[in-house]
Amino acid sequence: MTKEELDEAIGGNKTATRHITASELANIMEYVPVELKLDRKTLDNYYRIGISELLNSKMPISDLNTLKEQGWAYDGNRESIIIFLT
């Protein structure tokens, strides 16, 4: 996967809040590690995937499009993609 493919798929997304099922998480984790994090200001939980891990993964473009549909978006530093949990 290239940075351009990632930007095309995820670049236009705004940070979303959504329920991620265990099955969806398992599908993602076949290719990249996913971290559960806590926003200390808002106390909201979110999942995080590092951009470098994503770019070095063997994730197919179809799965990248699934991340887009789920609402994953760049964080403020564009060092990772995140999705907040409901």
N, C-alpha and C. Protein backbone atom coordinates (compact mmCIF):
# COMPACT_ATOMS: atom_id res chain seq x y z
N MET A 1 0.84 -1.17 0.00
CA MET A 1 0.00 0.00 0.00
C MET A 1 0.89 1.24 0.00
N THR A 2 0.46 2.26 -0.72
CA THR A 2 1.23 3.50 -0.79
C THR A 2 0.54 4.59 0.02
N LYS A 3 1.28 5.64 0.30
CA LYS A 3 0.72 6.80 1.02
C LYS A 3 -0.42 7.42 0.20
N GLU A 4 -0.28 7.42 -1.12
CA GLU A 4 -1.32 7.99 -1.99
C GLU A 4 -2.61 7.19 -1.90
N GLU A 5 -2.49 5.86 -1.88
CA GLU A 5 -3.68 5.01 -1.74
C GLU A 5 -4.36 5.25 -0.39
N LEU A 6 -3.55 5.40 0.65
CA LEU A 6 -4.10 5.67 1.97
C LEU A 6 -4.79 7.02 2.00
N ASP A 7 -4.15 8.05 1.45
CA ASP A 7 -4.75 9.38 1.41
C ASP A 7 -6.05 9.38 0.63
N GLU A 8 -6.08 8.64 -0.47
CA GLU A 8 -7.29 8.58 -1.29
C GLU A 8 -8.44 7.94 -0.53
N ALA A 9 -8.15 6.90 0.23
CA ALA A 9 -9.20 6.18 0.95
C ALA A 9 -9.62 6.89 2.23
N ILE A 10 -8.66 7.34 3.02
CA ILE A 10 -8.94 7.85 4.36
C ILE A 10 -8.90 9.37 4.44
N GLY A 11 -8.19 10.02 3.54
CA GLY A 11 -7.91 11.45 3.63
C GLY A 11 -9.11 12.35 3.81
N GLY A 12 -10.25 12.02 3.21
CA GLY A 12 -11.42 12.88 3.31
C GLY A 12 -12.30 12.61 4.51
N ASN A 13 -12.02 11.55 5.26
CA ASN A 13 -12.86 11.20 6.41
C ASN A 13 -12.65 12.16 7.56
N LYS A 14 -13.73 12.43 8.28
CA LYS A 14 -13.69 13.15 9.54
C LYS A 14 -13.74 12.12 10.65
N THR A 15 -13.15 12.41 11.80
CA THR A 15 -13.13 11.47 12.91
C THR A 15 -14.55 11.08 13.29
N ALA A 16 -14.79 9.78 13.40
CA ALA A 16 -16.13 9.27 13.66
C ALA A 16 -16.17 8.56 15.01
N THR A 17 -17.38 8.36 15.49
CA THR A 17 -17.64 7.56 16.68
C THR A 17 -18.51 6.41 16.25
N ARG A 18 -18.11 5.19 16.58
CA ARG A 18 -18.82 4.02 16.08
C ARG A 18 -18.53 2.82 16.95
N HIS A 19 -19.42 1.86 16.92
CA HIS A 19 -19.18 0.57 17.57
C HIS A 19 -18.43 -0.32 16.59
N ILE A 20 -17.30 -0.85 17.00
CA ILE A 20 -16.53 -1.79 16.18
C ILE A 20 -16.73 -3.17 16.78
N THR A 21 -17.19 -4.11 15.98
CA THR A 21 -17.42 -5.46 16.48
C THR A 21 -16.09 -6.21 16.62
N ALA A 22 -16.11 -7.27 17.40
CA ALA A 22 -14.92 -8.10 17.56
C ALA A 22 -14.50 -8.69 16.22
N SER A 23 -15.45 -9.05 15.40
CA SER A 23 -15.15 -9.61 14.07
C SER A 23 -14.45 -8.58 13.19
N GLU A 24 -14.95 -7.34 13.19
CA GLU A 24 -14.31 -6.28 12.40
C GLU A 24 -12.89 -6.02 12.90
N LEU A 25 -12.73 -6.00 14.21
CA LEU A 25 -11.41 -5.77 14.79
C LEU A 25 -10.45 -6.91 14.44
N ALA A 26 -10.94 -8.14 14.50
CA ALA A 26 -10.10 -9.30 14.14
C ALA A 26 -9.67 -9.24 12.69
N ASN A 27 -10.57 -8.81 11.80
CA ASN A 27 -10.21 -8.68 10.37
C ASN A 27 -9.10 -7.66 10.18
N ILE A 28 -9.17 -6.54 10.87
CA ILE A 28 -8.15 -5.50 10.76
C ILE A 28 -6.82 -6.02 11.32
N MET A 29 -6.90 -6.71 12.46
CA MET A 29 -5.69 -7.15 13.14
C MET A 29 -4.98 -8.31 12.43
N GLU A 30 -5.59 -8.84 11.38
CA GLU A 30 -4.88 -9.80 10.55
C GLU A 30 -3.68 -9.14 9.86
N TYR A 31 -3.77 -7.82 9.66
CA TYR A 31 -2.76 -7.10 8.89
C TYR A 31 -1.94 -6.10 9.70
N VAL A 32 -2.57 -5.47 10.69
CA VAL A 32 -1.89 -4.42 11.46
C VAL A 32 -2.29 -4.50 12.93
N PRO A 33 -1.37 -4.08 13.82
CA PRO A 33 -1.75 -4.00 15.23
C PRO A 33 -2.68 -2.81 15.47
N VAL A 34 -3.66 -3.02 16.33
CA VAL A 34 -4.62 -1.97 16.68
C VAL A 34 -4.50 -1.73 18.18
N GLU A 35 -4.34 -0.47 18.57
CA GLU A 35 -4.20 -0.11 19.98
C GLU A 35 -5.50 0.50 20.48
N LEU A 36 -5.89 0.13 21.69
CA LEU A 36 -7.00 0.77 22.37
C LEU A 36 -6.41 1.88 23.22
N LYS A 37 -6.87 3.11 23.01
CA LYS A 37 -6.32 4.28 23.70
C LYS A 37 -7.42 5.03 24.42
N LEU A 38 -7.02 5.97 25.28
CA LEU A 38 -7.94 6.82 26.02
C LEU A 38 -7.53 8.27 25.81
N ASP A 39 -8.48 9.08 25.34
CA ASP A 39 -8.25 10.52 25.24
C ASP A 39 -8.37 11.09 26.65
N ARG A 40 -7.29 11.56 27.20
CA ARG A 40 -7.27 12.00 28.60
C ARG A 40 -8.07 13.28 28.84
N LYS A 41 -8.31 14.05 27.81
CA LYS A 41 -9.10 15.28 27.98
C LYS A 41 -10.59 14.98 28.04
N THR A 42 -11.04 14.11 27.14
CA THR A 42 -12.48 13.83 27.04
C THR A 42 -12.87 12.50 27.68
N LEU A 43 -11.86 11.68 28.02
CA LEU A 43 -12.07 10.34 28.57
C LEU A 43 -12.82 9.42 27.61
N ASP A 44 -12.66 9.68 26.31
CA ASP A 44 -13.25 8.83 25.27
C ASP A 44 -12.24 7.77 24.86
N ASN A 45 -12.72 6.55 24.65
CA ASN A 45 -11.88 5.47 24.14
C ASN A 45 -11.85 5.52 22.62
N TYR A 46 -10.71 5.14 22.06
CA TYR A 46 -10.60 5.07 20.62
C TYR A 46 -9.58 4.01 20.23
N TYR A 47 -9.72 3.52 19.01
CA TYR A 47 -8.73 2.61 18.45
C TYR A 47 -7.78 3.41 17.59
N ARG A 48 -6.52 2.97 17.56
CA ARG A 48 -5.47 3.66 16.81
C ARG A 48 -4.68 2.65 15.99
N ILE A 49 -4.39 3.01 14.73
CA ILE A 49 -3.50 2.24 13.87
C ILE A 49 -2.42 3.19 13.37
N GLY A 50 -1.16 2.84 13.59
CA GLY A 50 -0.05 3.67 13.13
C GLY A 50 0.06 3.65 11.61
N ILE A 51 0.37 4.80 11.03
CA ILE A 51 0.49 4.92 9.57
C ILE A 51 1.64 4.06 9.06
N SER A 52 2.76 4.06 9.75
CA SER A 52 3.90 3.27 9.27
C SER A 52 3.56 1.79 9.24
N GLU A 53 2.85 1.30 10.26
CA GLU A 53 2.44 -0.11 10.26
C GLU A 53 1.49 -0.40 9.11
N LEU A 54 0.58 0.53 8.87
CA LEU A 54 -0.39 0.36 7.80
C LEU A 54 0.28 0.35 6.43
N LEU A 55 1.21 1.27 6.22
CA LEU A 55 1.90 1.34 4.93
C LEU A 55 2.77 0.11 4.68
N ASN A 56 3.29 -0.48 5.74
CA ASN A 56 4.15 -1.66 5.61
C ASN A 56 3.37 -2.97 5.64
N SER A 57 2.06 -2.88 5.77
CA SER A 57 1.24 -4.09 5.87
C SER A 57 0.90 -4.63 4.48
N LYS A 58 0.33 -5.80 4.49
CA LYS A 58 -0.15 -6.44 3.26
C LYS A 58 -1.67 -6.30 3.13
N MET A 59 -2.23 -5.30 3.81
CA MET A 59 -3.68 -5.10 3.78
C MET A 59 -4.14 -4.78 2.36
N PRO A 60 -5.13 -5.54 1.86
CA PRO A 60 -5.64 -5.26 0.52
C PRO A 60 -6.40 -3.93 0.48
N ILE A 61 -6.45 -3.33 -0.68
CA ILE A 61 -7.16 -2.06 -0.85
C ILE A 61 -8.63 -2.21 -0.47
N SER A 62 -9.22 -3.37 -0.73
CA SER A 62 -10.63 -3.58 -0.37
C SER A 62 -10.83 -3.44 1.13
N ASP A 63 -9.88 -3.92 1.94
CA ASP A 63 -9.99 -3.76 3.39
C ASP A 63 -9.73 -2.32 3.81
N LEU A 64 -8.88 -1.61 3.08
CA LEU A 64 -8.67 -0.20 3.35
C LEU A 64 -9.96 0.57 3.10
N ASN A 65 -10.69 0.21 2.05
CA ASN A 65 -11.98 0.85 1.78
C ASN A 65 -12.99 0.53 2.88
N THR A 66 -12.88 -0.65 3.48
CA THR A 66 -13.74 -0.99 4.61
C THR A 66 -13.45 -0.07 5.79
N LEU A 67 -12.17 0.22 6.03
CA LEU A 67 -11.81 1.16 7.10
C LEU A 67 -12.44 2.53 6.84
N LYS A 68 -12.43 2.94 5.58
CA LYS A 68 -13.04 4.22 5.21
C LYS A 68 -14.53 4.20 5.52
N GLU A 69 -15.20 3.13 5.12
CA GLU A 69 -16.64 3.03 5.35
C GLU A 69 -16.97 2.99 6.84
N GLN A 70 -16.09 2.40 7.64
CA GLN A 70 -16.32 2.33 9.08
C GLN A 70 -16.13 3.69 9.75
N GLY A 71 -15.41 4.60 9.11
CA GLY A 71 -15.24 5.94 9.66
C GLY A 71 -13.86 6.25 10.22
N TRP A 72 -12.88 5.39 9.96
CA TRP A 72 -11.52 5.67 10.40
C TRP A 72 -11.03 6.95 9.72
N ALA A 73 -10.27 7.76 10.47
CA ALA A 73 -9.76 9.02 9.93
C ALA A 73 -8.38 9.32 10.53
N TYR A 74 -7.64 10.19 9.86
CA TYR A 74 -6.33 10.62 10.38
C TYR A 74 -6.51 11.33 11.71
N ASP A 75 -5.53 11.15 12.60
CA ASP A 75 -5.48 11.96 13.81
C ASP A 75 -4.94 13.34 13.45
N GLY A 76 -4.83 14.22 14.40
CA GLY A 76 -4.39 15.58 14.13
C GLY A 76 -2.99 15.68 13.56
N ASN A 77 -2.12 14.74 13.89
CA ASN A 77 -0.73 14.76 13.41
C ASN A 77 -0.53 13.97 12.12
N ARG A 78 -1.59 13.26 11.70
CA ARG A 78 -1.54 12.39 10.53
C ARG A 78 -0.47 11.30 10.68
N GLU A 79 -0.23 10.90 11.94
CA GLU A 79 0.70 9.82 12.24
C GLU A 79 -0.02 8.49 12.43
N SER A 80 -1.33 8.55 12.54
CA SER A 80 -2.12 7.35 12.74
C SER A 80 -3.54 7.62 12.25
N ILE A 81 -4.30 6.53 12.12
CA ILE A 81 -5.73 6.68 11.88
C ILE A 81 -6.44 6.20 13.13
N ILE A 82 -7.57 6.84 13.42
CA ILE A 82 -8.28 6.54 14.66
C ILE A 82 -9.78 6.46 14.41
N ILE A 83 -10.46 5.82 15.34
CA ILE A 83 -11.91 5.84 15.38
C ILE A 83 -12.32 5.80 16.84
N PHE A 84 -13.21 6.70 17.23
CA PHE A 84 -13.70 6.73 18.61
C PHE A 84 -14.80 5.70 18.78
N LEU A 85 -14.89 5.17 19.99
CA LEU A 85 -15.83 4.08 20.27
C LEU A 85 -17.07 4.60 21.00
N THR A 86 -18.19 3.96 20.69
CA THR A 86 -19.43 4.31 21.40
C THR A 86 -19.56 3.47 22.63
